[in-house]
Amino acid sequence: MSVTAIHRHAIDLLFATITLEIGDRGRLCSFLFGRPGSSLHQRRMGIEIYFNDPEMIRAVLHVRKQGPLYLRTLPIESIRNALIIFITENFWYLADECLGQRFSGLV
Protein backbone atom coordinates (compact mmCIF):
# COMPACT_ATOMS: atom_id res chain seq x y z
CA MET A 1 0.00 0.00 0.00
CA SER A 2 1.48 3.31 -1.00
CA VAL A 3 1.50 6.32 1.28
CA THR A 4 -0.85 8.97 0.00
CA ALA A 5 -1.43 12.57 1.02
CA ILE A 6 -4.32 11.38 3.20
CA HIS A 7 -2.02 8.97 5.06
CA ARG A 8 0.63 11.65 5.51
CA HIS A 9 -1.94 14.09 6.84
CA ALA A 10 -3.23 11.50 9.33
CA ILE A 11 0.31 10.85 10.57
CA ASP A 12 1.03 14.58 10.85
CA LEU A 13 -2.16 15.05 12.87
CA LEU A 14 -1.18 12.14 15.11
CA PHE A 15 2.34 13.54 15.64
CA ALA A 16 0.78 16.89 16.58
CA THR A 17 -0.94 15.21 19.54
CA ILE A 18 2.34 14.16 21.18
CA THR A 19 4.10 16.36 23.69
CA LEU A 20 6.61 15.76 26.46
CA GLU A 21 5.01 18.45 28.66
CA ILE A 22 2.25 17.79 31.13
CA GLY A 23 -0.85 19.59 30.00
CA ASP A 24 -4.19 20.12 31.64
CA ARG A 25 -6.01 18.67 28.62
CA GLY A 26 -4.18 15.50 27.86
CA ARG A 27 -3.46 11.91 28.66
CA LEU A 28 -0.26 10.48 30.09
CA CYS A 29 1.14 7.38 28.45
CA SER A 30 4.13 5.59 30.00
CA PHE A 31 5.66 2.61 28.25
CA LEU A 32 8.81 0.68 27.49
CA PHE A 33 10.00 0.48 23.92
CA GLY A 34 12.62 -1.33 21.91
CA ARG A 35 13.25 -2.69 18.46
CA PRO A 36 10.07 -3.61 16.58
CA GLY A 37 9.10 -7.22 17.18
CA SER A 38 11.13 -7.47 20.38
CA SER A 39 9.62 -9.25 23.35
CA LEU A 40 8.48 -7.23 26.35
CA HIS A 41 11.53 -8.14 28.44
CA GLN A 42 13.83 -6.86 25.66
CA ARG A 43 12.25 -3.40 25.67
CA ARG A 44 14.67 -1.53 27.88
CA MET A 45 13.97 2.11 27.16
CA GLY A 46 11.09 3.87 28.81
CA ILE A 47 9.36 7.16 28.16
CA GLU A 48 6.40 9.20 29.30
CA ILE A 49 4.58 11.15 26.64
CA TYR A 50 1.37 13.08 26.73
CA PHE A 51 -1.37 13.16 24.15
CA ASN A 52 -3.10 16.51 23.79
CA ASP A 53 -6.83 15.69 23.77
CA PRO A 54 -8.09 18.40 21.37
CA GLU A 55 -5.37 17.50 18.86
CA MET A 56 -6.08 13.78 19.32
CA ILE A 57 -9.77 14.33 18.56
CA ARG A 58 -8.77 16.06 15.29
CA ALA A 59 -6.59 13.06 14.37
CA VAL A 60 -9.31 10.57 15.34
CA LEU A 61 -11.99 12.37 13.34
CA HIS A 62 -9.71 12.56 10.30
CA VAL A 63 -8.90 8.84 10.47
CA ARG A 64 -12.56 8.03 11.02
CA LYS A 65 -13.65 10.10 8.01
CA GLN A 66 -10.85 9.15 5.61
CA GLY A 67 -10.29 5.56 6.68
CA PRO A 68 -12.23 2.40 5.88
CA LEU A 69 -16.01 2.61 6.23
CA TYR A 70 -16.13 0.37 9.31
CA LEU A 71 -14.27 3.07 11.30
CA ARG A 72 -17.34 5.30 11.04
CA THR A 73 -19.27 2.84 13.18
CA LEU A 74 -16.64 2.65 15.93
CA PRO A 75 -16.72 4.86 19.01
CA ILE A 76 -14.17 7.68 19.07
CA GLU A 77 -12.52 6.15 22.14
CA SER A 78 -11.85 2.89 20.26
CA ILE A 79 -10.11 4.72 17.44
CA ARG A 80 -8.17 6.86 19.93
CA ASN A 81 -6.95 3.72 21.71
CA ALA A 82 -5.92 2.15 18.41
CA LEU A 83 -3.90 5.26 17.51
CA ILE A 84 -2.19 5.29 20.91
CA ILE A 85 -1.32 1.60 20.51
CA PHE A 86 0.05 2.39 17.05
CA ILE A 87 2.34 5.06 18.53
CA THR A 88 3.56 2.87 21.41
CA GLU A 89 4.19 -0.14 19.17
CA ASN A 90 6.13 1.94 16.64
CA PHE A 91 7.87 4.33 18.99
CA TRP A 92 11.28 2.86 18.13
CA TYR A 93 10.98 4.55 14.75
CA LEU A 94 9.83 7.83 16.30
CA ALA A 95 12.23 8.12 19.23
CA ASP A 96 14.88 10.18 17.44
CA GLU A 97 12.24 12.58 16.16
CA CYS A 98 10.47 12.77 19.51
CA LEU A 99 13.63 13.39 21.48
CA GLY A 100 14.93 15.77 18.81
CA GLN A 101 13.36 18.89 17.37
CA ARG A 102 10.07 17.68 15.87
CA PHE A 103 7.76 17.72 18.91
CA SER A 104 6.85 20.56 21.24
CA GLY A 105 7.55 20.40 24.94
CA LEU A 106 11.11 19.18 24.76
CA VAL A 107 12.95 18.58 28.02
PDB file of N, CA and C in Angstrom:
ATOM      1  N   MET A   1       0.852  -1.180   0.000  1.00  0.00           N
ATOM      2  CA  MET A   1       0.000   0.000   0.000  1.00  0.00           C
ATOM      3  C   MET A   1       0.894   1.239   0.000  1.00  0.00           C
ATOM      4  N   SER A   2       0.659   2.111  -0.915  1.00  0.00           N
ATOM      5  CA  SER A   2       1.475   3.313  -1.003  1.00  0.00           C
ATOM      6  C   SER A   2       0.953   4.375  -0.033  1.00  0.00           C
ATOM      7  N   VAL A   3       1.863   5.236   0.384  1.00  0.00           N
ATOM      8  CA  VAL A   3       1.499   6.321   1.284  1.00  0.00           C
ATOM      9  C   VAL A   3       0.974   7.476   0.447  1.00  0.00           C
ATOM     10  N   THR A   4      -0.238   7.874   0.737  1.00  0.00           N
ATOM     11  CA  THR A   4      -0.851   8.969   0.000  1.00  0.00           C
ATOM     12  C   THR A   4      -0.853  10.229   0.860  1.00  0.00           C
ATOM     13  N   ALA A   5      -1.326  11.311   0.284  1.00  0.00           N
ATOM     14  CA  ALA A   5      -1.431  12.573   1.023  1.00  0.00           C
ATOM     15  C   ALA A   5      -2.362  12.423   2.227  1.00  0.00           C
ATOM     16  N   ILE A   6      -3.396  11.610   2.091  1.00  0.00           N
ATOM     17  CA  ILE A   6      -4.323  11.381   3.203  1.00  0.00           C
ATOM     18  C   ILE A   6      -3.603  10.677   4.349  1.00  0.00           C
ATOM     19  N   HIS A   7      -2.782   9.671   4.019  1.00  0.00           N
ATOM     20  CA  HIS A   7      -2.020   8.974   5.056  1.00  0.00           C
ATOM     21  C   HIS A   7      -1.041   9.917   5.745  1.00  0.00           C
ATOM     22  N   ARG A   8      -0.342  10.701   4.941  1.00  0.00           N
ATOM     23  CA  ARG A   8       0.631  11.653   5.505  1.00  0.00           C
ATOM     24  C   ARG A   8      -0.050  12.651   6.431  1.00  0.00           C
ATOM     25  N   HIS A   9      -1.209  13.122   6.015  1.00  0.00           N
ATOM     26  CA  HIS A   9      -1.938  14.089   6.840  1.00  0.00           C
ATOM     27  C   HIS A   9      -2.369  13.446   8.162  1.00  0.00           C
ATOM     28  N   ALA A  10      -2.829  12.210   8.101  1.00  0.00           N
ATOM     29  CA  ALA A  10      -3.232  11.502   9.325  1.00  0.00           C
ATOM     30  C   ALA A  10      -2.041  11.351  10.273  1.00  0.00           C
ATOM     31  N   ILE A  11      -0.877  11.011   9.738  1.00  0.00           N
ATOM     32  CA  ILE A  11       0.315  10.852  10.565  1.00  0.00           C
ATOM     33  C   ILE A  11       0.747  12.195  11.148  1.00  0.00           C
ATOM     34  N   ASP A  12       0.695  13.251  10.345  1.00  0.00           N
ATOM     35  CA  ASP A  12       1.032  14.580  10.853  1.00  0.00           C
ATOM     36  C   ASP A  12       0.092  15.000  11.975  1.00  0.00           C
ATOM     37  N   LEU A  13      -1.194  14.737  11.814  1.00  0.00           N
ATOM     38  CA  LEU A  13      -2.156  15.052  12.872  1.00  0.00           C
ATOM     39  C   LEU A  13      -1.862  14.247  14.134  1.00  0.00           C
ATOM     40  N   LEU A  14      -1.498  12.988  13.958  1.00  0.00           N
ATOM     41  CA  LEU A  14      -1.182  12.140  15.106  1.00  0.00           C
ATOM     42  C   LEU A  14       0.088  12.633  15.804  1.00  0.00           C
ATOM     43  N   PHE A  15       1.118  12.999  15.044  1.00  0.00           N
ATOM     44  CA  PHE A  15       2.344  13.543  15.638  1.00  0.00           C
ATOM     45  C   PHE A  15       2.050  14.824  16.416  1.00  0.00           C
ATOM     46  N   ALA A  16       1.113  15.625  15.921  1.00  0.00           N
ATOM     47  CA  ALA A  16       0.785  16.888  16.582  1.00  0.00           C
ATOM     48  C   ALA A  16       0.160  16.678  17.959  1.00  0.00           C
ATOM     49  N   THR A  17      -0.327  15.475  18.233  1.00  0.00           N
ATOM     50  CA  THR A  17      -0.940  15.208  19.540  1.00  0.00           C
ATOM     51  C   THR A  17       0.098  14.939  20.615  1.00  0.00           C
ATOM     52  N   ILE A  18       1.314  14.590  20.223  1.00  0.00           N
ATOM     53  CA  ILE A  18       2.342  14.157  21.180  1.00  0.00           C
ATOM     54  C   ILE A  18       3.118  15.343  21.724  1.00  0.00           C
ATOM     55  N   THR A  19       3.279  15.368  23.033  1.00  0.00           N
ATOM     56  CA  THR A  19       4.099  16.360  23.693  1.00  0.00           C
ATOM     57  C   THR A  19       4.812  15.693  24.868  1.00  0.00           C
ATOM     58  N   LEU A  20       5.900  16.270  25.287  1.00  0.00           N
ATOM     59  CA  LEU A  20       6.615  15.764  26.459  1.00  0.00           C
ATOM     60  C   LEU A  20       6.273  16.584  27.698  1.00  0.00           C
ATOM     61  N   GLU A  21       5.431  17.609  27.542  1.00  0.00           N
ATOM     62  CA  GLU A  21       5.012  18.445  28.662  1.00  0.00           C
ATOM     63  C   GLU A  21       3.682  17.970  29.205  1.00  0.00           C
ATOM     64  N   ILE A  22       3.539  18.085  30.523  1.00  0.00           N
ATOM     65  CA  ILE A  22       2.247  17.787  31.130  1.00  0.00           C
ATOM     66  C   ILE A  22       1.308  18.928  30.782  1.00  0.00           C
ATOM     67  N   GLY A  23       0.160  18.581  30.306  1.00  0.00           N
ATOM     68  CA  GLY A  23      -0.845  19.590  30.004  1.00  0.00           C
ATOM     69  C   GLY A  23      -2.094  19.325  30.821  1.00  0.00           C
ATOM     70  N   ASP A  24      -2.957  20.311  30.882  1.00  0.00           N
ATOM     71  CA  ASP A  24      -4.188  20.116  31.641  1.00  0.00           C
ATOM     72  C   ASP A  24      -5.276  19.453  30.803  1.00  0.00           C
ATOM     73  N   ARG A  25      -5.030  19.324  29.498  1.00  0.00           N
ATOM     74  CA  ARG A  25      -6.010  18.674  28.623  1.00  0.00           C
ATOM     75  C   ARG A  25      -5.327  17.567  27.840  1.00  0.00           C
ATOM     76  N   GLY A  26      -4.878  16.572  28.544  1.00  0.00           N
ATOM     77  CA  GLY A  26      -4.177  15.503  27.855  1.00  0.00           C
ATOM     78  C   GLY A  26      -4.204  14.204  28.627  1.00  0.00           C
ATOM     79  N   ARG A  27      -3.497  13.245  28.089  1.00  0.00           N
ATOM     80  CA  ARG A  27      -3.464  11.908  28.660  1.00  0.00           C
ATOM     81  C   ARG A  27      -2.024  11.445  28.706  1.00  0.00           C
ATOM     82  N   LEU A  28      -1.606  10.998  29.893  1.00  0.00           N
ATOM     83  CA  LEU A  28      -0.255  10.480  30.085  1.00  0.00           C
ATOM     84  C   LEU A  28      -0.177   9.052  29.577  1.00  0.00           C
ATOM     85  N   CYS A  29       0.909   8.741  28.923  1.00  0.00           N
ATOM     86  CA  CYS A  29       1.138   7.378  28.445  1.00  0.00           C
ATOM     87  C   CYS A  29       2.592   7.022  28.758  1.00  0.00           C
ATOM     88  N   SER A  30       2.789   6.064  29.649  1.00  0.00           N
ATOM     89  CA  SER A  30       4.126   5.589  30.003  1.00  0.00           C
ATOM     90  C   SER A  30       4.296   4.186  29.448  1.00  0.00           C
ATOM     91  N   PHE A  31       5.450   3.936  28.810  1.00  0.00           N
ATOM     92  CA  PHE A  31       5.656   2.611  28.251  1.00  0.00           C
ATOM     93  C   PHE A  31       7.135   2.365  28.009  1.00  0.00           C
ATOM     94  N   LEU A  32       7.466   1.102  27.863  1.00  0.00           N
ATOM     95  CA  LEU A  32       8.808   0.681  27.486  1.00  0.00           C
ATOM     96  C   LEU A  32       8.810   0.440  25.985  1.00  0.00           C
ATOM     97  N   PHE A  33       9.926   0.746  25.355  1.00  0.00           N
ATOM     98  CA  PHE A  33       9.995   0.481  23.922  1.00  0.00           C
ATOM     99  C   PHE A  33      11.358  -0.081  23.561  1.00  0.00           C
ATOM    100  N   GLY A  34      11.406  -0.735  22.436  1.00  0.00           N
ATOM    101  CA  GLY A  34      12.622  -1.330  21.908  1.00  0.00           C
ATOM    102  C   GLY A  34      12.430  -1.608  20.429  1.00  0.00           C
ATOM    103  N   ARG A  35      13.345  -2.373  19.882  1.00  0.00           N
ATOM    104  CA  ARG A  35      13.253  -2.695  18.457  1.00  0.00           C
ATOM    105  C   ARG A  35      11.901  -3.331  18.142  1.00  0.00           C
ATOM    106  N   PRO A  36      11.348  -3.004  16.977  1.00  0.00           N
ATOM    107  CA  PRO A  36      10.070  -3.615  16.581  1.00  0.00           C
ATOM    108  C   PRO A  36      10.169  -5.139  16.591  1.00  0.00           C
ATOM    109  N   GLY A  37       9.140  -5.766  17.117  1.00  0.00           N
ATOM    110  CA  GLY A  37       9.105  -7.218  17.180  1.00  0.00           C
ATOM    111  C   GLY A  37       9.798  -7.801  18.390  1.00  0.00           C
ATOM    112  N   SER A  38      10.436  -6.948  19.209  1.00  0.00           N
ATOM    113  CA  SER A  38      11.133  -7.473  20.385  1.00  0.00           C
ATOM    114  C   SER A  38      10.118  -7.858  21.456  1.00  0.00           C
ATOM    115  N   SER A  39      10.504  -8.823  22.263  1.00  0.00           N
ATOM    116  CA  SER A  39       9.615  -9.246  23.346  1.00  0.00           C
ATOM    117  C   SER A  39       9.602  -8.173  24.430  1.00  0.00           C
ATOM    118  N   LEU A  40       8.628  -8.254  25.320  1.00  0.00           N
ATOM    119  CA  LEU A  40       8.484  -7.227  26.349  1.00  0.00           C
ATOM    120  C   LEU A  40       9.721  -7.106  27.226  1.00  0.00           C
ATOM    121  N   HIS A  41      10.362  -8.225  27.559  1.00  0.00           N
ATOM    122  CA  HIS A  41      11.534  -8.144  28.443  1.00  0.00           C
ATOM    123  C   HIS A  41      12.768  -7.583  27.733  1.00  0.00           C
ATOM    124  N   GLN A  42      12.715  -7.448  26.409  1.00  0.00           N
ATOM    125  CA  GLN A  42      13.826  -6.858  25.661  1.00  0.00           C
ATOM    126  C   GLN A  42      13.641  -5.360  25.421  1.00  0.00           C
ATOM    127  N   ARG A  43      12.507  -4.843  25.821  1.00  0.00           N
ATOM    128  CA  ARG A  43      12.251  -3.402  25.672  1.00  0.00           C
ATOM    129  C   ARG A  43      12.823  -2.711  26.902  1.00  0.00           C
ATOM    130  N   ARG A  44      13.940  -2.045  26.724  1.00  0.00           N
ATOM    131  CA  ARG A  44      14.673  -1.529  27.875  1.00  0.00           C
ATOM    132  C   ARG A  44      14.648  -0.023  27.997  1.00  0.00           C
ATOM    133  N   MET A  45      14.050   0.657  27.080  1.00  0.00           N
ATOM    134  CA  MET A  45      13.969   2.113  27.159  1.00  0.00           C
ATOM    135  C   MET A  45      12.542   2.500  27.500  1.00  0.00           C
ATOM    136  N   GLY A  46      12.417   3.433  28.405  1.00  0.00           N
ATOM    137  CA  GLY A  46      11.092   3.873  28.808  1.00  0.00           C
ATOM    138  C   GLY A  46      10.906   5.352  28.566  1.00  0.00           C
ATOM    139  N   ILE A  47       9.668   5.746  28.402  1.00  0.00           N
ATOM    140  CA  ILE A  47       9.355   7.157  28.156  1.00  0.00           C
ATOM    141  C   ILE A  47       7.948   7.450  28.656  1.00  0.00           C
ATOM    142  N   GLU A  48       7.735   8.695  29.005  1.00  0.00           N
ATOM    143  CA  GLU A  48       6.402   9.197  29.301  1.00  0.00           C
ATOM    144  C   GLU A  48       6.108  10.284  28.280  1.00  0.00           C
ATOM    145  N   ILE A  49       5.016  10.119  27.572  1.00  0.00           N
ATOM    146  CA  ILE A  49       4.583  11.147  26.638  1.00  0.00           C
ATOM    147  C   ILE A  49       3.142  11.502  26.974  1.00  0.00           C
ATOM    148  N   TYR A  50       2.720  12.617  26.490  1.00  0.00           N
ATOM    149  CA  TYR A  50       1.369  13.084  26.726  1.00  0.00           C
ATOM    150  C   TYR A  50       0.692  13.295  25.384  1.00  0.00           C
ATOM    151  N   PHE A  51      -0.570  12.952  25.347  1.00  0.00           N
ATOM    152  CA  PHE A  51      -1.369  13.163  24.155  1.00  0.00           C
ATOM    153  C   PHE A  51      -2.325  14.310  24.436  1.00  0.00           C
ATOM    154  N   ASN A  52      -2.228  15.360  23.657  1.00  0.00           N
ATOM    155  CA  ASN A  52      -3.101  16.514  23.786  1.00  0.00           C
ATOM    156  C   ASN A  52      -4.481  16.125  23.263  1.00  0.00           C
ATOM    157  N   ASP A  53      -5.494  16.173  24.141  1.00  0.00           N
ATOM    158  CA  ASP A  53      -6.825  15.690  23.767  1.00  0.00           C
ATOM    159  C   ASP A  53      -7.465  16.414  22.585  1.00  0.00           C
ATOM    160  N   PRO A  54      -7.465  17.753  22.543  1.00  0.00           N
ATOM    161  CA  PRO A  54      -8.091  18.400  21.370  1.00  0.00           C
ATOM    162  C   PRO A  54      -7.409  18.005  20.056  1.00  0.00           C
ATOM    163  N   GLU A  55      -6.087  17.912  20.070  1.00  0.00           N
ATOM    164  CA  GLU A  55      -5.374  17.503  18.861  1.00  0.00           C
ATOM    165  C   GLU A  55      -5.660  16.040  18.526  1.00  0.00           C
ATOM    166  N   MET A  56      -5.779  15.199  19.547  1.00  0.00           N
ATOM    167  CA  MET A  56      -6.083  13.781  19.322  1.00  0.00           C
ATOM    168  C   MET A  56      -7.461  13.622  18.690  1.00  0.00           C
ATOM    169  N   ILE A  57      -8.419  14.416  19.148  1.00  0.00           N
ATOM    170  CA  ILE A  57      -9.766  14.335  18.562  1.00  0.00           C
ATOM    171  C   ILE A  57      -9.717  14.700  17.076  1.00  0.00           C
ATOM    172  N   ARG A  58      -8.928  15.707  16.716  1.00  0.00           N
ATOM    173  CA  ARG A  58      -8.771  16.061  15.295  1.00  0.00           C
ATOM    174  C   ARG A  58      -8.216  14.882  14.506  1.00  0.00           C
ATOM    175  N   ALA A  59      -7.188  14.214  15.056  1.00  0.00           N
ATOM    176  CA  ALA A  59      -6.589  13.062  14.370  1.00  0.00           C
ATOM    177  C   ALA A  59      -7.602  11.921  14.256  1.00  0.00           C
ATOM    178  N   VAL A  60      -8.320  11.655  15.337  1.00  0.00           N
ATOM    179  CA  VAL A  60      -9.314  10.570  15.340  1.00  0.00           C
ATOM    180  C   VAL A  60     -10.404  10.835  14.311  1.00  0.00           C
ATOM    181  N   LEU A  61     -10.914  12.048  14.293  1.00  0.00           N
ATOM    182  CA  LEU A  61     -11.987  12.366  13.345  1.00  0.00           C
ATOM    183  C   LEU A  61     -11.503  12.286  11.901  1.00  0.00           C
ATOM    184  N   HIS A  62     -10.259  12.675  11.656  1.00  0.00           N
ATOM    185  CA  HIS A  62      -9.706  12.562  10.301  1.00  0.00           C
ATOM    186  C   HIS A  62      -9.595  11.089   9.883  1.00  0.00           C
ATOM    187  N   VAL A  63      -9.042  10.273  10.782  1.00  0.00           N
ATOM    188  CA  VAL A  63      -8.896   8.840  10.474  1.00  0.00           C
ATOM    189  C   VAL A  63     -10.270   8.204  10.280  1.00  0.00           C
ATOM    190  N   ARG A  64     -11.207   8.582  11.118  1.00  0.00           N
ATOM    191  CA  ARG A  64     -12.560   8.025  11.021  1.00  0.00           C
ATOM    192  C   ARG A  64     -13.215   8.399   9.689  1.00  0.00           C
ATOM    193  N   LYS A  65     -13.026   9.640   9.255  1.00  0.00           N
ATOM    194  CA  LYS A  65     -13.646  10.104   8.010  1.00  0.00           C
ATOM    195  C   LYS A  65     -12.940   9.552   6.774  1.00  0.00           C
ATOM    196  N   GLN A  66     -11.613   9.523   6.788  1.00  0.00           N
ATOM    197  CA  GLN A  66     -10.846   9.154   5.606  1.00  0.00           C
ATOM    198  C   GLN A  66     -10.510   7.667   5.531  1.00  0.00           C
ATOM    199  N   GLY A  67     -10.652   6.964   6.645  1.00  0.00           N
ATOM    200  CA  GLY A  67     -10.286   5.558   6.683  1.00  0.00           C
ATOM    201  C   GLY A  67     -11.385   4.659   6.135  1.00  0.00           C
ATOM    202  N   PRO A  68     -11.224   3.361   6.338  1.00  0.00           N
ATOM    203  CA  PRO A  68     -12.230   2.400   5.876  1.00  0.00           C
ATOM    204  C   PRO A  68     -13.607   2.687   6.490  1.00  0.00           C
ATOM    205  N   LEU A  69     -14.643   2.308   5.794  1.00  0.00           N
ATOM    206  CA  LEU A  69     -16.011   2.609   6.225  1.00  0.00           C
ATOM    207  C   LEU A  69     -16.341   2.084   7.618  1.00  0.00           C
ATOM    208  N   TYR A  70     -15.781   0.937   8.003  1.00  0.00           N
ATOM    209  CA  TYR A  70     -16.128   0.372   9.308  1.00  0.00           C
ATOM    210  C   TYR A  70     -15.709   1.293  10.456  1.00  0.00           C
ATOM    211  N   LEU A  71     -14.710   2.157  10.237  1.00  0.00           N
ATOM    212  CA  LEU A  71     -14.275   3.069  11.299  1.00  0.00           C
ATOM    213  C   LEU A  71     -15.369   4.059  11.682  1.00  0.00           C
ATOM    214  N   ARG A  72     -16.262   4.346  10.759  1.00  0.00           N
ATOM    215  CA  ARG A  72     -17.338   5.302  11.044  1.00  0.00           C
ATOM    216  C   ARG A  72     -18.353   4.748  12.039  1.00  0.00           C
ATOM    217  N   THR A  73     -18.340   3.438  12.232  1.00  0.00           N
ATOM    218  CA  THR A  73     -19.273   2.840  13.182  1.00  0.00           C
ATOM    219  C   THR A  73     -18.636   2.650  14.560  1.00  0.00           C
ATOM    220  N   LEU A  74     -17.336   2.843  14.660  1.00  0.00           N
ATOM    221  CA  LEU A  74     -16.642   2.648  15.934  1.00  0.00           C
ATOM    222  C   LEU A  74     -16.723   3.898  16.804  1.00  0.00           C
ATOM    223  N   PRO A  75     -16.770   3.703  18.109  1.00  0.00           N
ATOM    224  CA  PRO A  75     -16.721   4.863  19.014  1.00  0.00           C
ATOM    225  C   PRO A  75     -15.375   5.582  18.895  1.00  0.00           C
ATOM    226  N   ILE A  76     -15.388   6.876  19.136  1.00  0.00           N
ATOM    227  CA  ILE A  76     -14.171   7.676  19.065  1.00  0.00           C
ATOM    228  C   ILE A  76     -13.104   7.113  19.996  1.00  0.00           C
ATOM    229  N   GLU A  77     -13.489   6.671  21.171  1.00  0.00           N
ATOM    230  CA  GLU A  77     -12.517   6.150  22.143  1.00  0.00           C
ATOM    231  C   GLU A  77     -11.797   4.906  21.606  1.00  0.00           C
ATOM    232  N   SER A  78     -12.481   4.075  20.850  1.00  0.00           N
ATOM    233  CA  SER A  78     -11.848   2.889  20.261  1.00  0.00           C
ATOM    234  C   SER A  78     -10.782   3.274  19.238  1.00  0.00           C
ATOM    235  N   ILE A  79     -11.091   4.266  18.430  1.00  0.00           N
ATOM    236  CA  ILE A  79     -10.115   4.724  17.435  1.00  0.00           C
ATOM    237  C   ILE A  79      -8.948   5.401  18.130  1.00  0.00           C
ATOM    238  N   ARG A  80      -9.230   6.204  19.156  1.00  0.00           N
ATOM    239  CA  ARG A  80      -8.172   6.856  19.933  1.00  0.00           C
ATOM    240  C   ARG A  80      -7.229   5.810  20.524  1.00  0.00           C
ATOM    241  N   ASN A  81      -7.783   4.776  21.123  1.00  0.00           N
ATOM    242  CA  ASN A  81      -6.955   3.724  21.712  1.00  0.00           C
ATOM    243  C   ASN A  81      -6.106   3.028  20.656  1.00  0.00           C
ATOM    244  N   ALA A  82      -6.674   2.790  19.489  1.00  0.00           N
ATOM    245  CA  ALA A  82      -5.916   2.149  18.405  1.00  0.00           C
ATOM    246  C   ALA A  82      -4.753   3.038  17.959  1.00  0.00           C
ATOM    247  N   LEU A  83      -4.976   4.349  17.902  1.00  0.00           N
ATOM    248  CA  LEU A  83      -3.904   5.265  17.506  1.00  0.00           C
ATOM    249  C   LEU A  83      -2.810   5.325  18.566  1.00  0.00           C
ATOM    250  N   ILE A  84      -3.189   5.294  19.834  1.00  0.00           N
ATOM    251  CA  ILE A  84      -2.194   5.287  20.910  1.00  0.00           C
ATOM    252  C   ILE A  84      -1.387   3.999  20.868  1.00  0.00           C
ATOM    253  N   ILE A  85      -2.033   2.880  20.636  1.00  0.00           N
ATOM    254  CA  ILE A  85      -1.316   1.603  20.512  1.00  0.00           C
ATOM    255  C   ILE A  85      -0.369   1.654  19.322  1.00  0.00           C
ATOM    256  N   PHE A  86      -0.810   2.241  18.227  1.00  0.00           N
ATOM    257  CA  PHE A  86       0.047   2.392  17.049  1.00  0.00           C
ATOM    258  C   PHE A  86       1.324   3.163  17.410  1.00  0.00           C
ATOM    259  N   ILE A  87       1.176   4.265  18.132  1.00  0.00           N
ATOM    260  CA  ILE A  87       2.345   5.063  18.531  1.00  0.00           C
ATOM    261  C   ILE A  87       3.257   4.263  19.446  1.00  0.00           C
ATOM    262  N   THR A  88       2.706   3.601  20.460  1.00  0.00           N
ATOM    263  CA  THR A  88       3.559   2.871  21.411  1.00  0.00           C
ATOM    264  C   THR A  88       4.254   1.691  20.752  1.00  0.00           C
ATOM    265  N   GLU A  89       3.586   1.008  19.844  1.00  0.00           N
ATOM    266  CA  GLU A  89       4.191  -0.137  19.174  1.00  0.00           C
ATOM    267  C   GLU A  89       5.275   0.272  18.175  1.00  0.00           C
ATOM    268  N   ASN A  90       5.182   1.477  17.649  1.00  0.00           N
ATOM    269  CA  ASN A  90       6.128   1.941  16.635  1.00  0.00           C
ATOM    270  C   ASN A  90       7.038   3.053  17.138  1.00  0.00           C
ATOM    271  N   PHE A  91       7.113   3.214  18.445  1.00  0.00           N
ATOM    272  CA  PHE A  91       7.874   4.329  18.992  1.00  0.00           C
ATOM    273  C   PHE A  91       9.368   4.227  18.688  1.00  0.00           C
ATOM    274  N   TRP A  92       9.875   3.032  18.486  1.00  0.00           N
ATOM    275  CA  TRP A  92      11.281   2.857  18.128  1.00  0.00           C
ATOM    276  C   TRP A  92      11.642   3.724  16.921  1.00  0.00           C
ATOM    277  N   TYR A  93      10.741   3.767  15.957  1.00  0.00           N
ATOM    278  CA  TYR A  93      10.981   4.555  14.751  1.00  0.00           C
ATOM    279  C   TYR A  93      10.877   6.059  15.013  1.00  0.00           C
ATOM    280  N   LEU A  94      10.111   6.427  16.031  1.00  0.00           N
ATOM    281  CA  LEU A  94       9.826   7.827  16.304  1.00  0.00           C
ATOM    282  C   LEU A  94      10.733   8.444  17.355  1.00  0.00           C
ATOM    283  N   ALA A  95      11.485   7.640  18.080  1.00  0.00           N
ATOM    284  CA  ALA A  95      12.234   8.122  19.233  1.00  0.00           C
ATOM    285  C   ALA A  95      13.186   9.256  18.885  1.00  0.00           C
ATOM    286  N   ASP A  96      13.937   9.121  17.815  1.00  0.00           N
ATOM    287  CA  ASP A  96      14.878  10.178  17.444  1.00  0.00           C
ATOM    288  C   ASP A  96      14.148  11.483  17.155  1.00  0.00           C
ATOM    289  N   GLU A  97      13.034  11.383  16.458  1.00  0.00           N
ATOM    290  CA  GLU A  97      12.244  12.578  16.163  1.00  0.00           C
ATOM    291  C   GLU A  97      11.658  13.177  17.434  1.00  0.00           C
ATOM    292  N   CYS A  98      11.129  12.311  18.290  1.00  0.00           N
ATOM    293  CA  CYS A  98      10.467  12.772  19.507  1.00  0.00           C
ATOM    294  C   CYS A  98      11.461  13.425  20.455  1.00  0.00           C
ATOM    295  N   LEU A  99      12.631  12.862  20.557  1.00  0.00           N
ATOM    296  CA  LEU A  99      13.627  13.389  21.478  1.00  0.00           C
ATOM    297  C   LEU A  99      14.469  14.474  20.819  1.00  0.00           C
ATOM    298  N   GLY A 100      14.217  14.734  19.553  1.00  0.00           N
ATOM    299  CA  GLY A 100      14.929  15.773  18.811  1.00  0.00           C
ATOM    300  C   GLY A 100      14.101  17.039  18.727  1.00  0.00           C
ATOM    301  N   GLN A 101      13.977  17.592  17.552  1.00  0.00           N
ATOM    302  CA  GLN A 101      13.356  18.891  17.370  1.00  0.00           C
ATOM    303  C   GLN A 101      11.908  18.843  16.891  1.00  0.00           C
ATOM    304  N   ARG A 102      11.376  17.704  16.529  1.00  0.00           N
ATOM    305  CA  ARG A 102      10.068  17.678  15.874  1.00  0.00           C
ATOM    306  C   ARG A 102       8.910  18.059  16.800  1.00  0.00           C
ATOM    307  N   PHE A 103       8.908  17.552  18.038  1.00  0.00           N
ATOM    308  CA  PHE A 103       7.760  17.715  18.906  1.00  0.00           C
ATOM    309  C   PHE A 103       7.928  18.894  19.847  1.00  0.00           C
ATOM    310  N   SER A 104       6.821  19.465  20.256  1.00  0.00           N
ATOM    311  CA  SER A 104       6.849  20.560  21.236  1.00  0.00           C
ATOM    312  C   SER A 104       7.073  19.985  22.624  1.00  0.00           C
ATOM    313  N   GLY A 105       7.416  20.831  23.557  1.00  0.00           N
ATOM    314  CA  GLY A 105       7.551  20.398  24.945  1.00  0.00           C
ATOM    315  C   GLY A 105       8.793  19.624  25.225  1.00  0.00           C
ATOM    316  N   LEU A 106       9.869  19.939  24.569  1.00  0.00           N
ATOM    317  CA  LEU A 106      11.107  19.184  24.764  1.00  0.00           C
ATOM    318  C   LEU A 106      11.677  19.452  26.146  1.00  0.00           C
ATOM    319  N   VAL A 107      12.296  18.434  26.710  1.00  0.00           N
ATOM    320  CA  VAL A 107      12.955  18.580  28.017  1.00  0.00           C
ATOM    321  C   VAL A 107      14.405  18.947  27.832  1.00  0.00           C
TER     322      VAL A 107
END
